[in-house]
């Protein structure tokens, strides 16, 4: 009985919406609209396709933000070559791999694996959670370092990474610093490849 009442109520609400837009519908043709009904024991929710898209985008933004927040919990964890153990330390790719694995996203374990991995994106389009790929410190012909964008602002973005440089720990650096600008190889989206 309760379920029937909720279905009838949803039908009435849709009918009112149709009458309000009646003049509009006569003037211009439009594509058929799909409406999704979510019926739970004590709740009924009508979700339009536009709202579903907005909810997906918000969910994705939240996931990217959650990923970055999780990565930041490891700030000051020591740099340890060939490690991805938060109790001992991380190397750069071990850190990136560990963070993404926590969100069920598979990424390469080595920095060189990022050369052809993910969807390359322009520096102006980078977002939270994208991966920045750098050449080696002494070898500019091979990939040698990776980090996760934690503040997206084009060339002025910041990234979190396990640094083997002066910091020797998980830290946040600026992409526009001379050290990283000259080594920058590409930015990749590994969340939506």
Protein backbone atom coordinates (compact mmCIF):
# COMPACT_ATOMS: atom_id res chain seq x y z
CA UNK A 1 0.00 0.00 0.00
CA UNK A 2 2.80 2.39 0.95
CA UNK A 3 4.65 1.58 -2.28
CA UNK A 4 1.52 2.21 -4.40
CA UNK A 5 1.01 5.58 -2.71
CA UNK A 6 4.62 6.58 -3.47
CA UNK A 7 4.29 5.59 -7.14
CA UNK A 8 1.03 7.56 -7.46
CA UNK A 9 2.66 10.55 -5.76
CA UNK A 10 5.61 10.41 -8.17
CA UNK A 11 3.18 10.25 -11.12
CA UNK A 12 1.29 13.31 -9.84
CA UNK A 13 4.53 15.28 -9.41
CA UNK A 14 5.59 14.44 -12.94
CA UNK A 15 2.16 15.43 -14.26
CA UNK A 16 2.47 18.89 -12.69
CA UNK A 17 5.89 19.30 -14.24
CA UNK A 18 4.47 18.36 -17.65
CA UNK A 19 1.61 20.91 -17.35
CA UNK A 20 4.04 23.67 -16.35
CA UNK A 21 6.15 23.00 -19.43
CA UNK A 22 3.17 22.39 -21.77
CA UNK A 23 3.55 25.69 -23.66
CA UNK A 24 7.26 25.11 -24.03
CA UNK A 25 6.68 21.61 -25.42
CA UNK A 26 4.25 22.96 -28.06
CA UNK A 27 6.73 25.59 -29.22
CA UNK A 28 9.85 23.45 -29.44
CA UNK A 29 10.40 19.78 -29.92
CA UNK A 30 12.61 18.10 -27.43
CA UNK A 31 14.10 14.70 -26.88
CA UNK A 32 12.17 12.35 -24.63
CA UNK A 33 13.15 12.80 -21.01
CA UNK A 34 14.10 9.88 -18.83
CA UNK A 35 13.33 10.00 -15.16
CA UNK A 36 14.69 7.49 -12.68
CA UNK A 37 12.66 6.46 -9.64
CA UNK A 38 14.59 5.27 -6.63
CA UNK A 39 12.12 3.59 -4.27
CA UNK A 40 13.32 2.47 -0.88
CA UNK A 41 11.31 1.32 2.10
CA UNK A 42 10.57 4.77 3.52
CA UNK A 43 11.82 7.10 0.77
CA UNK A 44 11.10 7.91 -2.84
CA UNK A 45 13.49 10.02 -4.85
CA UNK A 46 13.04 11.20 -8.42
CA UNK A 47 16.34 11.79 -10.16
CA UNK A 48 16.58 13.46 -13.55
CA UNK A 49 19.44 12.54 -15.95
CA UNK A 50 20.99 15.99 -15.40
CA UNK A 51 21.05 15.42 -11.63
CA UNK A 52 22.65 11.99 -12.13
CA UNK A 53 25.45 13.60 -14.17
CA UNK A 54 25.99 16.28 -11.52
CA UNK A 55 26.04 13.63 -8.77
CA UNK A 56 28.62 11.59 -10.73
CA UNK A 57 30.81 14.68 -11.21
CA UNK A 58 30.57 15.58 -7.52
CA UNK A 59 31.35 11.99 -6.57
CA UNK A 60 34.41 12.02 -8.82
CA UNK A 61 35.60 15.34 -7.36
CA UNK A 62 35.09 13.96 -3.87
CA UNK A 63 37.04 10.83 -4.78
CA UNK A 64 39.93 12.91 -6.14
CA UNK A 65 39.85 15.06 -3.03
CA UNK A 66 39.72 11.95 -0.82
CA UNK A 67 42.70 10.49 -2.70
CA UNK A 68 44.75 13.65 -2.14
CA UNK A 69 43.71 13.85 1.52
CA UNK A 70 44.78 10.24 1.98
CA UNK A 71 48.14 10.95 0.30
CA UNK A 72 48.70 13.90 2.65
CA UNK A 73 48.45 11.62 5.68
CA UNK A 74 51.90 10.31 4.70
CA UNK A 75 53.70 13.67 4.70
CA UNK A 76 57.09 13.29 6.42
CA UNK A 77 57.21 9.49 5.96
CA UNK A 78 60.87 8.86 5.01
CA UNK A 79 62.09 8.17 1.50
CA UNK A 80 63.23 4.54 1.22
CA UNK A 81 64.40 3.22 -2.14
CA UNK A 82 62.26 0.40 -3.57
CA UNK A 83 59.70 0.55 -0.75
CA UNK A 84 55.96 1.08 -0.52
CA UNK A 85 55.53 0.40 3.16
CA UNK A 86 54.12 3.37 5.10
CA UNK A 87 55.73 2.05 8.31
CA UNK A 88 59.22 2.02 6.75
CA UNK A 89 59.03 4.54 3.90
CA UNK A 90 58.33 5.03 0.21
CA UNK A 91 60.15 5.63 -3.00
CA UNK A 92 58.32 7.88 -5.49
CA UNK A 93 56.51 5.19 -7.48
CA UNK A 94 55.90 3.11 -4.38
CA UNK A 95 54.12 6.06 -2.80
CA UNK A 96 51.98 6.74 -5.89
CA UNK A 97 51.19 3.03 -6.28
CA UNK A 98 50.25 2.69 -2.59
CA UNK A 99 47.91 5.71 -2.64
CA UNK A 100 46.07 4.67 -5.81
CA UNK A 101 45.86 1.03 -4.72
CA UNK A 102 43.94 2.22 -1.64
CA UNK A 103 41.27 3.51 -4.07
CA UNK A 104 41.31 0.33 -6.21
CA UNK A 105 43.12 2.06 -9.08
CA UNK A 106 45.96 0.05 -10.57
CA UNK A 107 49.02 2.06 -11.60
CA UNK A 108 52.59 0.99 -12.44
CA UNK A 109 54.95 0.17 -9.60
CA UNK A 110 57.93 1.80 -11.33
CA UNK A 111 58.18 5.42 -12.44
CA UNK A 112 59.27 4.30 -15.93
CA UNK A 113 55.94 2.48 -16.24
CA UNK A 114 54.19 5.87 -16.37
CA UNK A 115 55.81 6.82 -19.70
CA UNK A 116 52.89 5.37 -21.69
CA UNK A 117 50.34 4.89 -18.91
CA UNK A 118 47.12 6.82 -18.36
CA UNK A 119 45.63 9.57 -20.50
CA UNK A 120 48.07 12.39 -21.26
CA UNK A 121 46.56 15.79 -20.45
CA UNK A 122 47.71 19.35 -20.98
CA UNK A 123 49.24 21.17 -18.06
CA UNK A 124 46.33 23.64 -18.10
CA UNK A 125 43.83 20.79 -17.64
CA UNK A 126 45.41 18.97 -14.72
CA UNK A 127 43.17 18.19 -11.76
CA UNK A 128 43.57 16.89 -8.22
CA UNK A 129 44.79 13.32 -8.29
CA UNK A 130 46.43 13.46 -11.71
CA UNK A 131 49.99 12.13 -11.90
CA UNK A 132 52.93 14.29 -12.88
CA UNK A 133 55.72 12.39 -14.64
CA UNK A 134 59.32 13.64 -14.65
CA UNK A 135 62.55 12.59 -16.31
CA UNK A 136 65.45 11.38 -14.22
CA UNK A 137 67.55 13.82 -12.22
CA UNK A 138 70.73 13.01 -14.15
CA UNK A 139 69.23 11.23 -17.18
CA UNK A 140 66.81 13.40 -19.13
CA UNK A 141 66.09 10.60 -21.62
CA UNK A 142 64.29 8.30 -19.18
CA UNK A 143 61.43 8.62 -16.72
CA UNK A 144 62.71 8.90 -13.17
CA UNK A 145 60.10 10.47 -10.90
CA UNK A 146 56.32 10.71 -10.31
CA UNK A 147 54.03 12.63 -7.98
CA UNK A 148 50.32 13.28 -7.40
CA UNK A 149 48.74 16.69 -8.05
CA UNK A 150 47.48 18.07 -4.72
CA UNK A 151 46.79 21.65 -5.84
CA UNK A 152 45.73 22.04 -9.48
CA UNK A 153 46.64 25.41 -10.97
CA UNK A 154 48.28 24.80 -14.34
CA UNK A 155 52.03 25.48 -14.26
CA UNK A 156 51.66 26.74 -10.68
CA UNK A 157 50.31 23.41 -9.42
CA UNK A 158 51.69 21.59 -6.42
CA UNK A 159 52.25 17.86 -6.09
CA UNK A 160 52.84 15.40 -3.29
CA UNK A 161 55.62 12.86 -3.75
CA UNK A 162 58.30 10.82 -2.04
CA UNK A 163 61.39 12.92 -2.67
CA UNK A 164 64.87 11.43 -2.83
CA UNK A 165 66.34 14.97 -2.90
CA UNK A 166 67.08 17.21 0.05
CA UNK A 167 63.76 16.42 1.74
CA UNK A 168 64.26 12.59 1.72
CA UNK A 169 60.61 12.16 2.67
CA UNK A 170 57.04 12.50 1.41
CA UNK A 171 56.60 16.20 0.80
CA UNK A 172 54.75 18.76 -1.31
CA UNK A 173 56.63 20.59 -4.06
CA UNK A 174 55.82 23.23 -6.63
CA UNK A 175 55.76 22.27 -10.30
CA UNK A 176 57.03 25.73 -11.28
CA UNK A 177 60.26 25.35 -9.29
CA UNK A 178 63.30 25.29 -11.59
CA UNK A 179 64.22 21.79 -10.42
CA UNK A 180 60.91 20.26 -11.53
CA UNK A 181 60.05 22.52 -14.48
CA UNK A 182 63.13 21.41 -16.44
CA UNK A 183 62.43 17.72 -15.67
CA UNK A 184 58.68 17.78 -16.38
CA UNK A 185 57.72 15.13 -18.95
CA UNK A 186 53.90 14.96 -18.89
CA UNK A 187 50.75 14.95 -16.81
CA UNK A 188 48.45 11.93 -16.95
CA UNK A 189 44.96 11.16 -15.77
CA UNK A 190 44.93 7.65 -14.30
CA UNK A 191 41.50 8.01 -12.69
CA UNK A 192 39.62 8.42 -16.00
CA UNK A 193 42.09 7.08 -18.58
